[in-house]
Amino acid sequence: MSNTNASQRVGIFIDVQNVYHSAKNLFQARVNFDELLKYVVGRRQLVKAYAYVVKSDPTTGEESFFEALRKTGLELRSKDLQVYPDGTKKGDWDVGMAIDAVRSAADLDAVVLVTGDGDFIPLVQYLRWGFGKEVEVVGFGHTTSAKLKEAADRFMDMEKIPRVLLKIGERASERMGSRQRRRMG
């Protein structure tokens, strides 16, 4: 578990696209955001928890994913995927996430960035040196920028957090196995 100082006020800022795609591509898994929040917060006082998402296609079922994030207590920040005339697509929240973290800093003792993106190094440095905040980074050890890990006060490897990774299809395959056992029995 993270810091156990119960009086510490913490804010969590989750780069959902970064974490979602890393879990899917590295581990063929999805992230259990509820377990992630519980582990990262520990006994501390959660003040703010934001999840930054990009809406790409309403027919993909992403709205049910967004609703599941809301149910964990995360406040969603969303925007539409930008598609340019040449076909390129852009949909990141780096600037918005950084602005929210800076705006919130006065109310927090610790800022937790859930991302592996090295673009957040200046934000980490600014929060630590400009505001004197403790900054933690949570990401996948294999894909998180080494310089981002170094810039933070603490790095937590998501691969090592219990019950955070759920294998894709794990529940479906368990149900299939129980159906087959019932048919055979």
Protein backbone atom coordinates (compact mmCIF):
# COMPACT_ATOMS: atom_id res chain seq x y z
CA MET A 1 0.00 0.00 0.00
CA SER A 2 1.01 3.56 -0.58
CA ASN A 3 1.64 6.11 2.15
CA THR A 4 -0.38 5.31 5.27
CA ASN A 5 -0.51 8.84 6.74
CA ALA A 6 -4.26 9.19 7.29
CA SER A 7 -4.07 12.99 7.38
CA GLN A 8 -2.46 13.27 3.96
CA ARG A 9 -4.80 14.76 1.34
CA VAL A 10 -4.37 13.10 -2.04
CA GLY A 11 -5.55 13.80 -5.57
CA ILE A 12 -5.43 11.21 -8.35
CA PHE A 13 -5.26 12.04 -12.06
CA ILE A 14 -5.65 9.05 -14.39
CA ASP A 15 -4.60 9.08 -18.05
CA VAL A 16 -7.17 6.40 -18.95
CA GLN A 17 -6.14 5.90 -22.59
CA ASN A 18 -2.50 5.39 -21.62
CA VAL A 19 -3.30 2.90 -18.87
CA TYR A 20 -6.07 1.10 -20.78
CA HIS A 21 -3.96 0.49 -23.89
CA SER A 22 -0.87 -0.50 -21.91
CA ALA A 23 -2.84 -3.12 -19.95
CA LYS A 24 -4.46 -4.44 -23.10
CA ASN A 25 -1.30 -4.57 -25.21
CA LEU A 26 1.16 -5.74 -22.55
CA PHE A 27 -0.96 -8.16 -20.55
CA GLN A 28 -4.14 -8.81 -22.56
CA ALA A 29 -5.85 -7.49 -19.46
CA ARG A 30 -7.98 -4.64 -18.27
CA VAL A 31 -7.50 -2.43 -15.25
CA ASN A 32 -9.66 -2.78 -12.17
CA PHE A 33 -9.89 0.94 -11.42
CA ASP A 34 -11.72 0.36 -8.13
CA GLU A 35 -8.84 -1.74 -6.76
CA LEU A 36 -6.32 0.73 -8.16
CA LEU A 37 -7.94 3.62 -6.27
CA LYS A 38 -8.15 1.66 -3.01
CA TYR A 39 -4.51 0.65 -3.20
CA VAL A 40 -3.13 4.05 -4.20
CA VAL A 41 -5.15 5.98 -1.62
CA GLY A 42 -4.54 3.53 1.22
CA ARG A 43 -5.56 5.14 4.50
CA ARG A 44 -5.08 8.64 3.16
CA GLN A 45 -7.86 11.15 2.52
CA LEU A 46 -8.97 11.18 -1.14
CA VAL A 47 -9.83 14.76 -2.13
CA LYS A 48 -10.06 14.51 -5.92
CA ALA A 49 -10.01 11.64 -8.42
CA TYR A 50 -10.21 12.43 -12.12
CA ALA A 51 -10.22 10.07 -15.10
CA TYR A 52 -9.39 11.58 -18.48
CA VAL A 53 -11.07 9.85 -21.43
CA VAL A 54 -11.45 10.40 -25.15
CA LYS A 55 -14.73 9.53 -26.85
CA SER A 56 -14.07 7.84 -30.15
CA ASP A 57 -17.12 5.88 -31.28
CA PRO A 58 -20.40 5.61 -29.38
CA THR A 59 -21.17 2.26 -31.06
CA THR A 60 -18.21 0.51 -29.38
CA GLY A 61 -19.77 0.32 -25.93
CA GLU A 62 -17.36 2.85 -24.49
CA GLU A 63 -20.22 4.60 -22.66
CA SER A 64 -20.68 1.54 -20.41
CA PHE A 65 -16.94 1.65 -19.69
CA PHE A 66 -17.22 5.35 -18.81
CA GLU A 67 -20.18 4.61 -16.53
CA ALA A 68 -18.14 1.89 -14.76
CA LEU A 69 -15.41 4.48 -14.15
CA ARG A 70 -17.96 6.88 -12.65
CA LYS A 71 -19.24 4.14 -10.34
CA THR A 72 -15.76 3.76 -8.85
CA GLY A 73 -15.95 7.38 -7.70
CA LEU A 74 -13.91 8.89 -10.51
CA GLU A 75 -14.97 12.21 -11.97
CA LEU A 76 -14.74 11.92 -15.74
CA ARG A 77 -13.18 14.53 -17.95
CA SER A 78 -14.04 13.67 -21.54
CA LYS A 79 -13.58 15.05 -25.00
CA ASP A 80 -14.16 13.85 -28.52
CA LEU A 81 -11.45 12.28 -30.64
CA GLN A 82 -10.25 14.80 -33.22
CA VAL A 83 -10.01 13.47 -36.76
CA TYR A 84 -8.15 15.67 -39.22
CA PRO A 85 -8.80 15.88 -42.97
CA ASP A 86 -5.68 13.83 -43.71
CA GLY A 87 -7.04 11.01 -41.53
CA THR A 88 -4.76 11.52 -38.54
CA LYS A 89 -6.36 11.30 -35.15
CA LYS A 90 -5.55 13.07 -31.91
CA GLY A 91 -7.04 12.52 -28.51
CA ASP A 92 -4.86 13.19 -25.53
CA TRP A 93 -5.49 15.01 -22.30
CA ASP A 94 -1.95 16.01 -21.35
CA VAL A 95 -2.58 19.75 -21.07
CA GLY A 96 -5.97 19.36 -19.36
CA MET A 97 -4.61 16.86 -16.87
CA ALA A 98 -1.66 19.13 -16.09
CA ILE A 99 -3.90 22.17 -15.59
CA ASP A 100 -6.23 20.25 -13.25
CA ALA A 101 -3.28 19.00 -11.20
CA VAL A 102 -1.84 22.52 -10.85
CA ARG A 103 -5.27 24.00 -10.02
CA SER A 104 -5.81 21.34 -7.35
CA ALA A 105 -2.35 21.49 -5.83
CA ALA A 106 -3.24 23.98 -3.10
CA ASP A 107 -5.81 21.52 -1.67
CA LEU A 108 -3.50 18.50 -1.76
CA ASP A 109 -0.47 17.13 0.05
CA ALA A 110 0.19 14.48 -2.59
CA VAL A 111 -0.54 14.33 -6.31
CA VAL A 112 -0.79 10.92 -7.95
CA LEU A 113 -0.42 10.73 -11.73
CA VAL A 114 -1.52 7.41 -13.22
CA THR A 115 0.32 7.40 -16.54
CA GLY A 116 3.53 6.28 -18.15
CA ASP A 117 3.83 9.31 -20.42
CA GLY A 118 7.14 11.15 -20.17
CA ASP A 119 5.42 14.34 -21.31
CA PHE A 120 4.39 14.80 -17.66
CA ILE A 121 7.97 15.28 -16.40
CA PRO A 122 7.70 19.12 -16.37
CA LEU A 123 4.43 18.83 -14.42
CA VAL A 124 6.05 16.55 -11.83
CA GLN A 125 8.96 18.95 -11.45
CA TYR A 126 6.68 21.98 -11.18
CA LEU A 127 4.46 20.36 -8.54
CA ARG A 128 7.45 19.21 -6.49
CA TRP A 129 9.61 22.31 -6.70
CA GLY A 130 7.04 25.06 -7.29
CA PHE A 131 4.42 23.80 -4.84
CA GLY A 132 6.40 21.49 -2.56
CA LYS A 133 3.99 18.62 -3.23
CA GLU A 134 4.75 14.94 -3.00
CA VAL A 135 4.26 13.49 -6.47
CA GLU A 136 3.68 9.81 -7.09
CA VAL A 137 3.54 8.14 -10.48
CA VAL A 138 1.65 4.91 -11.03
CA GLY A 139 2.23 3.06 -14.29
CA PHE A 140 3.45 -0.14 -15.86
CA GLY A 141 7.13 -0.68 -15.17
CA HIS A 142 7.84 -1.82 -18.73
CA THR A 143 6.32 1.18 -20.47
CA THR A 144 6.58 4.09 -18.03
CA SER A 145 9.21 6.63 -19.02
CA ALA A 146 12.38 6.07 -16.98
CA LYS A 147 12.83 9.83 -16.60
CA LEU A 148 9.25 10.17 -15.31
CA LYS A 149 9.97 7.50 -12.68
CA GLU A 150 13.12 9.38 -11.64
CA ALA A 151 11.34 12.75 -11.46
CA ALA A 152 8.65 11.47 -9.08
CA ASP A 153 8.99 11.06 -5.32
CA ARG A 154 7.65 7.54 -5.65
CA PHE A 155 6.85 5.14 -8.49
CA MET A 156 4.30 2.34 -8.11
CA ASP A 157 4.38 -0.43 -10.69
CA MET A 158 0.80 -1.38 -11.59
CA GLU A 159 1.94 -4.92 -12.43
CA LYS A 160 2.74 -5.43 -8.75
CA ILE A 161 -0.48 -4.05 -7.28
CA PRO A 162 -2.76 -6.94 -6.20
CA ARG A 163 -6.03 -7.43 -8.11
CA VAL A 164 -5.46 -4.47 -10.43
CA LEU A 165 -5.07 -6.47 -13.65
CA LEU A 166 -8.01 -8.57 -14.81
CA LYS A 167 -7.37 -10.88 -17.74
CA ILE A 168 -9.62 -10.13 -20.70
CA GLY A 169 -12.20 -12.87 -21.04
CA GLU A 170 -11.28 -14.42 -17.68
CA ARG A 171 -14.83 -14.24 -16.32
CA ALA A 172 -16.34 -15.42 -19.60
CA SER A 173 -14.07 -18.46 -19.73
CA GLU A 174 -14.87 -19.29 -16.09
CA ARG A 175 -18.61 -19.19 -16.91
CA MET A 176 -18.08 -21.40 -19.96
CA GLY A 177 -16.20 -23.94 -17.85
CA SER A 178 -19.00 -24.10 -15.26
CA ARG A 179 -21.62 -24.56 -18.02
CA GLN A 180 -19.65 -27.43 -19.52
CA ARG A 181 -19.28 -29.05 -16.09
CA ARG A 182 -23.07 -28.79 -15.52
CA ARG A 183 -23.78 -30.42 -18.91
CA MET A 184 -21.36 -33.25 -18.19
CA GLY A 185 -22.65 -33.79 -14.61
